[in-house]
Amino acid sequence: MQSGTILVINCGSSSIKFALVNAQQADFALSGLAERLGSPEAVLHWQLDGQKHHLAMAGADHRAALAQLLPLVQQTAGSQLVGIGHRVVHGGEHFTSASRIDATSLAAIRATAPLAPLHNPANLQGIEVALALFPELPHVAVFDTSFHQSLPEHAYRYALPEALYREHGVRRYGFHGTSHQYVSVRAAELSGLPVTDSCWLSAHLGNGCSTCAIVDGQSRDTSMGLTPLEGLVMGTRSGDVDPN
């Protein structure tokens, strides 16, 4: 892909984060957040050329918010927009890395929706609306789970009957993979170490939290499991709790 500006879209269960990213520029040309979608308090915030703007969108869903923000992107980036990256929460066992979006990958994302029922459908809405507005551009899905597909079997399997894994996909998937991968690569660069010959324990700490053991650039264990609930205590998640 030629150098230029990339639109990054992150559709959450009730929000959309977005930014125009250019590797040659330290700041985003345009960035923003649509939040509280589906409620009377739905609102779109964006920052353009250092100026902050707000638009109330009472009752707006993801599609309505995208219909407002994508024209802003088109107006700001113009011919400099060369591609769109979509954050997708769950790739299941289908995806081991980022994937160019086509009919096959869209079908796989839909098939994985039962594993992330609040997020994958919202991610799909963002993809579909962006594809309709920018059909000529390459669209790429980046998955929270794909970095953890390098987990060995003893790390991703639970001590449960085989059928629960084979028939229902009950296993540790791990999340925050894009964060853990970036942090480990950047840490190796700052330490002057080869990514493929360095080991890290990374911690993603925010409203959602997870840790990851990384060996030679690959995830080998992580605290989140079948869902993001497992592991550390978080803002609205209890983390591991004694089952008794």
C-alpha atoms as a PDB file:
ATOM      1  CA  MET A   1       0.000   0.000   0.000  1.00  0.00           C
ATOM      2  CA  GLN A   2       1.315   3.439  -0.893  1.00  0.00           C
ATOM      3  CA  SER A   3       2.012   5.963   1.848  1.00  0.00           C
ATOM      4  CA  GLY A   4      -1.004   8.013   2.823  1.00  0.00           C
ATOM      5  CA  THR A   5      -3.739   8.288   5.440  1.00  0.00           C
ATOM      6  CA  ILE A   6      -5.529   5.304   6.964  1.00  0.00           C
ATOM      7  CA  LEU A   7      -8.874   5.477   8.725  1.00  0.00           C
ATOM      8  CA  VAL A   8      -8.998   3.321  11.862  1.00  0.00           C
ATOM      9  CA  ILE A   9     -12.461   2.384  13.157  1.00  0.00           C
ATOM     10  CA  ASN A  10     -13.190   0.689  16.481  1.00  0.00           C
ATOM     11  CA  CYS A  11     -16.887  -0.116  16.879  1.00  0.00           C
ATOM     12  CA  GLY A  12     -17.668  -1.123  20.459  1.00  0.00           C
ATOM     13  CA  SER A  13     -20.943  -2.374  21.886  1.00  0.00           C
ATOM     14  CA  SER A  14     -22.231   1.181  22.435  1.00  0.00           C
ATOM     15  CA  SER A  15     -19.497   3.391  21.007  1.00  0.00           C
ATOM     16  CA  ILE A  16     -17.318   4.097  17.973  1.00  0.00           C
ATOM     17  CA  LYS A  17     -13.770   5.397  18.185  1.00  0.00           C
ATOM     18  CA  PHE A  18     -12.111   6.604  14.993  1.00  0.00           C
ATOM     19  CA  ALA A  19      -8.991   8.371  13.779  1.00  0.00           C
ATOM     20  CA  LEU A  20      -7.200   9.324  10.593  1.00  0.00           C
ATOM     21  CA  VAL A  21      -3.640   8.040  10.955  1.00  0.00           C
ATOM     22  CA  ASN A  22      -0.618   9.030   8.895  1.00  0.00           C
ATOM     23  CA  ALA A  23       2.730   7.469   9.787  1.00  0.00           C
ATOM     24  CA  GLN A  24       4.493  10.684   8.767  1.00  0.00           C
ATOM     25  CA  GLN A  25       2.537  12.822  11.240  1.00  0.00           C
ATOM     26  CA  ALA A  26       2.628  12.779  15.036  1.00  0.00           C
ATOM     27  CA  ASP A  27      -0.961  13.980  15.441  1.00  0.00           C
ATOM     28  CA  PHE A  28      -4.226  12.695  14.015  1.00  0.00           C
ATOM     29  CA  ALA A  29      -5.765  14.912  11.344  1.00  0.00           C
ATOM     30  CA  LEU A  30      -9.185  13.856  12.630  1.00  0.00           C
ATOM     31  CA  SER A  31     -10.188  11.775  15.624  1.00  0.00           C
ATOM     32  CA  GLY A  32     -13.296  11.260  17.652  1.00  0.00           C
ATOM     33  CA  LEU A  33     -15.741   9.201  19.631  1.00  0.00           C
ATOM     34  CA  ALA A  34     -19.426   8.421  19.243  1.00  0.00           C
ATOM     35  CA  GLU A  35     -20.714   7.229  22.595  1.00  0.00           C
ATOM     36  CA  ARG A  36     -23.845   6.116  24.436  1.00  0.00           C
ATOM     37  CA  LEU A  37     -25.221   4.845  21.118  1.00  0.00           C
ATOM     38  CA  GLY A  38     -28.757   3.531  21.254  1.00  0.00           C
ATOM     39  CA  SER A  39     -29.696   5.881  24.081  1.00  0.00           C
ATOM     40  CA  PRO A  40     -31.277   9.357  24.238  1.00  0.00           C
ATOM     41  CA  GLU A  41     -27.838  10.698  25.260  1.00  0.00           C
ATOM     42  CA  ALA A  42     -26.028   9.485  22.121  1.00  0.00           C
ATOM     43  CA  VAL A  43     -23.421  12.039  21.051  1.00  0.00           C
ATOM     44  CA  LEU A  44     -20.593  12.386  18.542  1.00  0.00           C
ATOM     45  CA  HIS A  45     -17.381  14.139  19.587  1.00  0.00           C
ATOM     46  CA  TRP A  46     -14.584  14.889  17.144  1.00  0.00           C
ATOM     47  CA  GLN A  47     -11.423  16.950  16.956  1.00  0.00           C
ATOM     48  CA  LEU A  48     -10.357  18.541  13.675  1.00  0.00           C
ATOM     49  CA  ASP A  49      -7.383  20.880  13.251  1.00  0.00           C
ATOM     50  CA  GLY A  50      -7.172  21.334  17.011  1.00  0.00           C
ATOM     51  CA  GLN A  51     -10.822  22.341  17.315  1.00  0.00           C
ATOM     52  CA  LYS A  52     -13.286  20.241  19.320  1.00  0.00           C
ATOM     53  CA  HIS A  53     -16.817  19.668  18.053  1.00  0.00           C
ATOM     54  CA  HIS A  54     -19.908  17.916  19.403  1.00  0.00           C
ATOM     55  CA  LEU A  55     -23.153  16.718  17.842  1.00  0.00           C
ATOM     56  CA  ALA A  56     -26.116  15.367  19.815  1.00  0.00           C
ATOM     57  CA  MET A  57     -27.691  12.336  18.093  1.00  0.00           C
ATOM     58  CA  ALA A  58     -30.527  11.221  20.408  1.00  0.00           C
ATOM     59  CA  GLY A  59     -31.328   7.555  19.831  1.00  0.00           C
ATOM     60  CA  ALA A  60     -28.676   7.095  17.133  1.00  0.00           C
ATOM     61  CA  ASP A  61     -27.368   3.567  16.582  1.00  0.00           C
ATOM     62  CA  HIS A  62     -24.023   2.567  15.052  1.00  0.00           C
ATOM     63  CA  ARG A  63     -25.238   3.042  11.475  1.00  0.00           C
ATOM     64  CA  ALA A  64     -26.589   6.507  12.178  1.00  0.00           C
ATOM     65  CA  ALA A  65     -23.346   7.539  13.884  1.00  0.00           C
ATOM     66  CA  LEU A  66     -21.264   6.181  11.002  1.00  0.00           C
ATOM     67  CA  ALA A  67     -23.482   8.073   8.550  1.00  0.00           C
ATOM     68  CA  GLN A  68     -22.443  11.260  10.374  1.00  0.00           C
ATOM     69  CA  LEU A  69     -18.750  10.597  10.866  1.00  0.00           C
ATOM     70  CA  LEU A  70     -17.724   8.951   7.589  1.00  0.00           C
ATOM     71  CA  PRO A  71     -18.524  12.059   5.490  1.00  0.00           C
ATOM     72  CA  LEU A  72     -16.257  13.994   7.903  1.00  0.00           C
ATOM     73  CA  VAL A  73     -13.516  11.508   7.108  1.00  0.00           C
ATOM     74  CA  GLN A  74     -14.122  11.810   3.386  1.00  0.00           C
ATOM     75  CA  GLN A  75     -14.035  15.606   3.559  1.00  0.00           C
ATOM     76  CA  THR A  76     -10.867  15.697   5.688  1.00  0.00           C
ATOM     77  CA  ALA A  77      -8.777  12.999   4.003  1.00  0.00           C
ATOM     78  CA  GLY A  78      -9.924  13.339   0.416  1.00  0.00           C
ATOM     79  CA  SER A  79      -7.647  11.562  -2.055  1.00  0.00           C
ATOM     80  CA  GLN A  80      -5.068  10.900   0.700  1.00  0.00           C
ATOM     81  CA  LEU A  81      -7.198   8.110   2.189  1.00  0.00           C
ATOM     82  CA  VAL A  82      -5.594   4.839   1.060  1.00  0.00           C
ATOM     83  CA  GLY A  83      -7.210   2.231   3.312  1.00  0.00           C
ATOM     84  CA  ILE A  84      -9.419   1.463   6.301  1.00  0.00           C
ATOM     85  CA  GLY A  85      -8.536  -0.668   9.305  1.00  0.00           C
ATOM     86  CA  HIS A  86     -11.298  -2.184  11.420  1.00  0.00           C
ATOM     87  CA  ARG A  87     -10.746  -3.440  14.957  1.00  0.00           C
ATOM     88  CA  VAL A  88     -12.687  -6.690  15.409  1.00  0.00           C
ATOM     89  CA  VAL A  89     -12.910  -8.198  18.882  1.00  0.00           C
ATOM     90  CA  HIS A  90     -13.169 -11.896  18.071  1.00  0.00           C
ATOM     91  CA  GLY A  91     -11.613 -13.904  15.288  1.00  0.00           C
ATOM     92  CA  GLY A  92     -12.034 -17.285  16.974  1.00  0.00           C
ATOM     93  CA  GLU A  93      -9.744 -19.902  15.502  1.00  0.00           C
ATOM     94  CA  HIS A  94     -10.335 -18.556  11.984  1.00  0.00           C
ATOM     95  CA  PHE A  95      -7.753 -15.761  12.084  1.00  0.00           C
ATOM     96  CA  THR A  96      -4.111 -15.875  13.166  1.00  0.00           C
ATOM     97  CA  SER A  97      -3.294 -12.374  11.864  1.00  0.00           C
ATOM     98  CA  ALA A  98      -4.909  -9.313  10.324  1.00  0.00           C
ATOM     99  CA  SER A  99      -6.974 -10.138   7.244  1.00  0.00           C
ATOM    100  CA  ARG A 100      -8.036  -8.319   4.094  1.00  0.00           C
ATOM    101  CA  ILE A 101     -11.810  -8.079   4.191  1.00  0.00           C
ATOM    102  CA  ASP A 102     -13.644 -10.034   1.515  1.00  0.00           C
ATOM    103  CA  ALA A 103     -16.726 -12.246   1.372  1.00  0.00           C
ATOM    104  CA  THR A 104     -14.896 -15.144   3.040  1.00  0.00           C
ATOM    105  CA  SER A 105     -13.543 -13.124   5.956  1.00  0.00           C
ATOM    106  CA  LEU A 106     -16.912 -11.403   6.477  1.00  0.00           C
ATOM    107  CA  ALA A 107     -18.595 -14.800   6.698  1.00  0.00           C
ATOM    108  CA  ALA A 108     -16.010 -15.963   9.240  1.00  0.00           C
ATOM    109  CA  ILE A 109     -16.540 -12.840  11.381  1.00  0.00           C
ATOM    110  CA  ARG A 110     -20.305 -13.458  11.321  1.00  0.00           C
ATOM    111  CA  ALA A 111     -19.808 -17.097  12.243  1.00  0.00           C
ATOM    112  CA  THR A 112     -17.737 -16.030  15.263  1.00  0.00           C
ATOM    113  CA  ALA A 113     -20.375 -13.564  16.508  1.00  0.00           C
ATOM    114  CA  PRO A 114     -21.797 -16.002  19.138  1.00  0.00           C
ATOM    115  CA  LEU A 115     -18.423 -15.801  20.928  1.00  0.00           C
ATOM    116  CA  ALA A 116     -18.670 -11.981  21.143  1.00  0.00           C
ATOM    117  CA  PRO A 117     -22.386 -11.166  20.772  1.00  0.00           C
ATOM    118  CA  LEU A 118     -22.053  -7.554  21.972  1.00  0.00           C
ATOM    119  CA  HIS A 119     -19.038  -6.685  19.831  1.00  0.00           C
ATOM    120  CA  ASN A 120     -18.724  -8.625  16.578  1.00  0.00           C
ATOM    121  CA  PRO A 121     -22.163  -7.528  15.274  1.00  0.00           C
ATOM    122  CA  ALA A 122     -21.196  -3.902  15.997  1.00  0.00           C
ATOM    123  CA  ASN A 123     -17.831  -4.450  14.300  1.00  0.00           C
ATOM    124  CA  LEU A 124     -19.665  -5.836  11.269  1.00  0.00           C
ATOM    125  CA  GLN A 125     -21.894  -2.756  11.077  1.00  0.00           C
ATOM    126  CA  GLY A 126     -18.819  -0.551  10.902  1.00  0.00           C
ATOM    127  CA  ILE A 127     -17.314  -2.701   8.179  1.00  0.00           C
ATOM    128  CA  GLU A 128     -20.475  -2.834   6.085  1.00  0.00           C
ATOM    129  CA  VAL A 129     -21.161   0.910   6.220  1.00  0.00           C
ATOM    130  CA  ALA A 130     -17.519   1.766   5.457  1.00  0.00           C
ATOM    131  CA  LEU A 131     -17.453  -0.715   2.553  1.00  0.00           C
ATOM    132  CA  ALA A 132     -20.552   0.913   1.106  1.00  0.00           C
ATOM    133  CA  LEU A 133     -19.017   4.405   1.272  1.00  0.00           C
ATOM    134  CA  PHE A 134     -15.455   3.434   0.285  1.00  0.00           C
ATOM    135  CA  PRO A 135     -15.828   0.317  -1.922  1.00  0.00           C
ATOM    136  CA  GLU A 136     -12.673   1.065  -3.907  1.00  0.00           C
ATOM    137  CA  LEU A 137     -10.354   1.107  -0.868  1.00  0.00           C
ATOM    138  CA  PRO A 138      -8.720  -1.906   0.808  1.00  0.00           C
ATOM    139  CA  HIS A 139     -10.348  -2.779   4.140  1.00  0.00           C
ATOM    140  CA  VAL A 140      -8.443  -4.808   6.732  1.00  0.00           C
ATOM    141  CA  ALA A 141      -9.751  -6.454   9.909  1.00  0.00           C
ATOM    142  CA  VAL A 142      -7.412  -6.549  12.917  1.00  0.00           C
ATOM    143  CA  PHE A 143      -8.478  -8.990  15.622  1.00  0.00           C
ATOM    144  CA  ASP A 144      -8.063  -8.773  19.407  1.00  0.00           C
ATOM    145  CA  THR A 145      -7.702 -12.549  19.526  1.00  0.00           C
ATOM    146  CA  SER A 146      -5.374 -13.343  16.609  1.00  0.00           C
ATOM    147  CA  PHE A 147      -2.091 -12.634  18.449  1.00  0.00           C
ATOM    148  CA  HIS A 148      -3.009 -15.311  20.992  1.00  0.00           C
ATOM    149  CA  GLN A 149      -3.497 -18.034  18.383  1.00  0.00           C
ATOM    150  CA  SER A 150       0.137 -18.968  19.048  1.00  0.00           C
ATOM    151  CA  LEU A 151      -0.801 -20.217  22.548  1.00  0.00           C
ATOM    152  CA  PRO A 152       0.232 -23.855  23.062  1.00  0.00           C
ATOM    153  CA  GLU A 153      -2.588 -26.324  23.654  1.00  0.00           C
ATOM    154  CA  HIS A 154      -1.854 -26.671  27.369  1.00  0.00           C
ATOM    155  CA  ALA A 155      -2.370 -22.906  27.723  1.00  0.00           C
ATOM    156  CA  TYR A 156      -5.595 -22.544  25.733  1.00  0.00           C
ATOM    157  CA  ARG A 157      -7.422 -25.724  26.711  1.00  0.00           C
ATOM    158  CA  TYR A 158      -9.530 -25.961  29.865  1.00  0.00           C
ATOM    159  CA  ALA A 159      -9.781 -29.060  32.074  1.00  0.00           C
ATOM    160  CA  LEU A 160     -13.212 -29.839  30.627  1.00  0.00           C
ATOM    161  CA  PRO A 161     -14.699 -32.634  28.501  1.00  0.00           C
ATOM    162  CA  GLU A 162     -13.273 -32.790  24.987  1.00  0.00           C
ATOM    163  CA  ALA A 163     -16.686 -32.239  23.400  1.00  0.00           C
ATOM    164  CA  LEU A 164     -17.017 -28.768  24.929  1.00  0.00           C
ATOM    165  CA  TYR A 165     -13.953 -27.685  22.960  1.00  0.00           C
ATOM    166  CA  ARG A 166     -14.523 -29.643  19.746  1.00  0.00           C
ATOM    167  CA  GLU A 167     -18.254 -28.940  19.410  1.00  0.00           C
ATOM    168  CA  HIS A 168     -18.694 -25.591  21.183  1.00  0.00           C
ATOM    169  CA  GLY A 169     -15.294 -23.893  20.976  1.00  0.00           C
ATOM    170  CA  VAL A 170     -14.849 -23.579  24.744  1.00  0.00           C
ATOM    171  CA  ARG A 171     -11.176 -22.622  25.115  1.00  0.00           C
ATOM    172  CA  ARG A 172      -9.032 -19.677  26.117  1.00  0.00           C
ATOM    173  CA  TYR A 173      -8.938 -17.141  23.275  1.00  0.00           C
ATOM    174  CA  GLY A 174      -7.373 -14.142  25.012  1.00  0.00           C
ATOM    175  CA  PHE A 175      -7.997 -10.499  24.139  1.00  0.00           C
ATOM    176  CA  HIS A 176      -6.143  -7.164  23.905  1.00  0.00           C
ATOM    177  CA  GLY A 177      -3.858  -8.915  21.422  1.00  0.00           C
ATOM    178  CA  THR A 178      -3.159  -5.794  19.372  1.00  0.00           C
ATOM    179  CA  SER A 179      -2.052  -3.987  22.529  1.00  0.00           C
ATOM    180  CA  HIS A 180       0.153  -6.814  23.812  1.00  0.00           C
ATOM    181  CA  GLN A 181       1.785  -7.276  20.417  1.00  0.00           C
ATOM    182  CA  TYR A 182       2.490  -3.566  19.976  1.00  0.00           C
ATOM    183  CA  VAL A 183       3.836  -3.136  23.512  1.00  0.00           C
ATOM    184  CA  SER A 184       6.203  -6.101  23.206  1.00  0.00           C
ATOM    185  CA  VAL A 185       7.517  -4.969  19.810  1.00  0.00           C
ATOM    186  CA  ARG A 186       8.021  -1.404  21.017  1.00  0.00           C
ATOM    187  CA  ALA A 187       9.701  -2.575  24.237  1.00  0.00           C
ATOM    188  CA  ALA A 188      12.124  -4.694  22.210  1.00  0.00           C
ATOM    189  CA  GLU A 189      12.924  -1.731  19.954  1.00  0.00           C
ATOM    190  CA  LEU A 190      13.569   0.579  22.913  1.00  0.00           C
ATOM    191  CA  SER A 191      15.754  -2.062  24.572  1.00  0.00           C
ATOM    192  CA  GLY A 192      17.777  -2.731  21.430  1.00  0.00           C
ATOM    193  CA  LEU A 193      16.686  -6.379  21.366  1.00  0.00           C
ATOM    194  CA  PRO A 194      15.427  -8.453  18.418  1.00  0.00           C
ATOM    195  CA  VAL A 195      11.669  -8.984  18.656  1.00  0.00           C
ATOM    196  CA  THR A 196      12.193 -12.657  17.770  1.00  0.00           C
ATOM    197  CA  ASP A 197      14.780 -13.112  20.531  1.00  0.00           C
ATOM    198  CA  SER A 198      13.251 -11.401  23.567  1.00  0.00           C
ATOM    199  CA  CYS A 199      10.745 -12.298  26.285  1.00  0.00           C
ATOM    200  CA  TRP A 200       8.203 -10.000  27.917  1.00  0.00           C
ATOM    201  CA  LEU A 201       5.419  -9.954  30.455  1.00  0.00           C
ATOM    202  CA  SER A 202       3.058  -7.261  29.230  1.00  0.00           C
ATOM    203  CA  ALA A 203       0.149  -5.708  31.112  1.00  0.00           C
ATOM    204  CA  HIS A 204      -2.780  -3.973  29.448  1.00  0.00           C
ATOM    205  CA  LEU A 205      -4.262  -1.842  32.219  1.00  0.00           C
ATOM    206  CA  GLY A 206      -7.421   0.214  31.777  1.00  0.00           C
ATOM    207  CA  ASN A 207     -11.113  -0.328  32.366  1.00  0.00           C
ATOM    208  CA  GLY A 208     -10.374  -3.770  30.949  1.00  0.00           C
ATOM    209  CA  CYS A 209      -7.138  -5.447  32.085  1.00  0.00           C
ATOM    210  CA  SER A 210      -5.088  -8.419  30.982  1.00  0.00           C
ATOM    211  CA  THR A 211      -1.555  -9.766  31.090  1.00  0.00           C
ATOM    212  CA  CYS A 212       0.370 -11.727  28.498  1.00  0.00           C
ATOM    213  CA  ALA A 213       3.572 -13.807  28.500  1.00  0.00           C
ATOM    214  CA  ILE A 214       5.404 -13.222  25.214  1.00  0.00           C
ATOM    215  CA  VAL A 215       8.320 -15.356  24.049  1.00  0.00           C
ATOM    216  CA  ASP A 216      10.269 -14.454  20.906  1.00  0.00           C
ATOM    217  CA  GLY A 217       7.442 -12.279  19.598  1.00  0.00           C
ATOM    218  CA  GLN A 218       4.658 -14.811  20.194  1.00  0.00           C
ATOM    219  CA  SER A 219       1.942 -15.021  22.832  1.00  0.00           C
ATOM    220  CA  ARG A 220       2.486 -18.064  25.057  1.00  0.00           C
ATOM    221  CA  ASP A 221      -0.004 -17.420  27.864  1.00  0.00           C
ATOM    222  CA  THR A 222      -2.571 -14.768  28.731  1.00  0.00           C
ATOM    223  CA  SER A 223      -4.928 -14.021  31.607  1.00  0.00           C
ATOM    224  CA  MET A 224      -8.202 -13.585  29.694  1.00  0.00           C
ATOM    225  CA  GLY A 225     -10.000 -16.720  28.607  1.00  0.00           C
ATOM    226  CA  LEU A 226     -13.105 -17.771  26.680  1.00  0.00           C
ATOM    227  CA  THR A 227     -14.403 -14.243  27.335  1.00  0.00           C
ATOM    228  CA  PRO A 228     -12.753 -11.054  28.628  1.00  0.00           C
ATOM    229  CA  LEU A 229     -14.129 -11.764  32.140  1.00  0.00           C
ATOM    230  CA  GLU A 230     -11.369 -14.155  33.207  1.00  0.00           C
ATOM    231  CA  GLY A 231      -8.138 -12.954  34.805  1.00  0.00           C
ATOM    232  CA  LEU A 232      -7.452  -9.638  36.506  1.00  0.00           C
ATOM    233  CA  VAL A 233      -9.916  -7.459  38.396  1.00  0.00           C
ATOM    234  CA  MET A 234     -11.179  -4.708  36.081  1.00  0.00           C
ATOM    235  CA  GLY A 235     -13.439  -1.665  36.038  1.00  0.00           C
ATOM    236  CA  THR A 236     -16.703  -3.589  35.599  1.00  0.00           C
ATOM    237  CA  ARG A 237     -15.445  -7.207  35.557  1.00  0.00           C
ATOM    238  CA  SER A 238     -14.689  -9.238  38.665  1.00  0.00           C
ATOM    239  CA  GLY A 239     -11.882 -11.280  37.143  1.00  0.00           C
ATOM    240  CA  ASP A 240     -11.236 -14.742  38.586  1.00  0.00           C
ATOM    241  CA  VAL A 241     -13.565 -15.644  41.467  1.00  0.00           C
ATOM    242  CA  ASP A 242     -13.554 -18.798  43.619  1.00  0.00           C
ATOM    243  CA  PRO A 243     -16.446 -20.896  42.200  1.00  0.00           C
ATOM    244  CA  ASN A 244     -17.601 -21.743  45.735  1.00  0.00           C
END
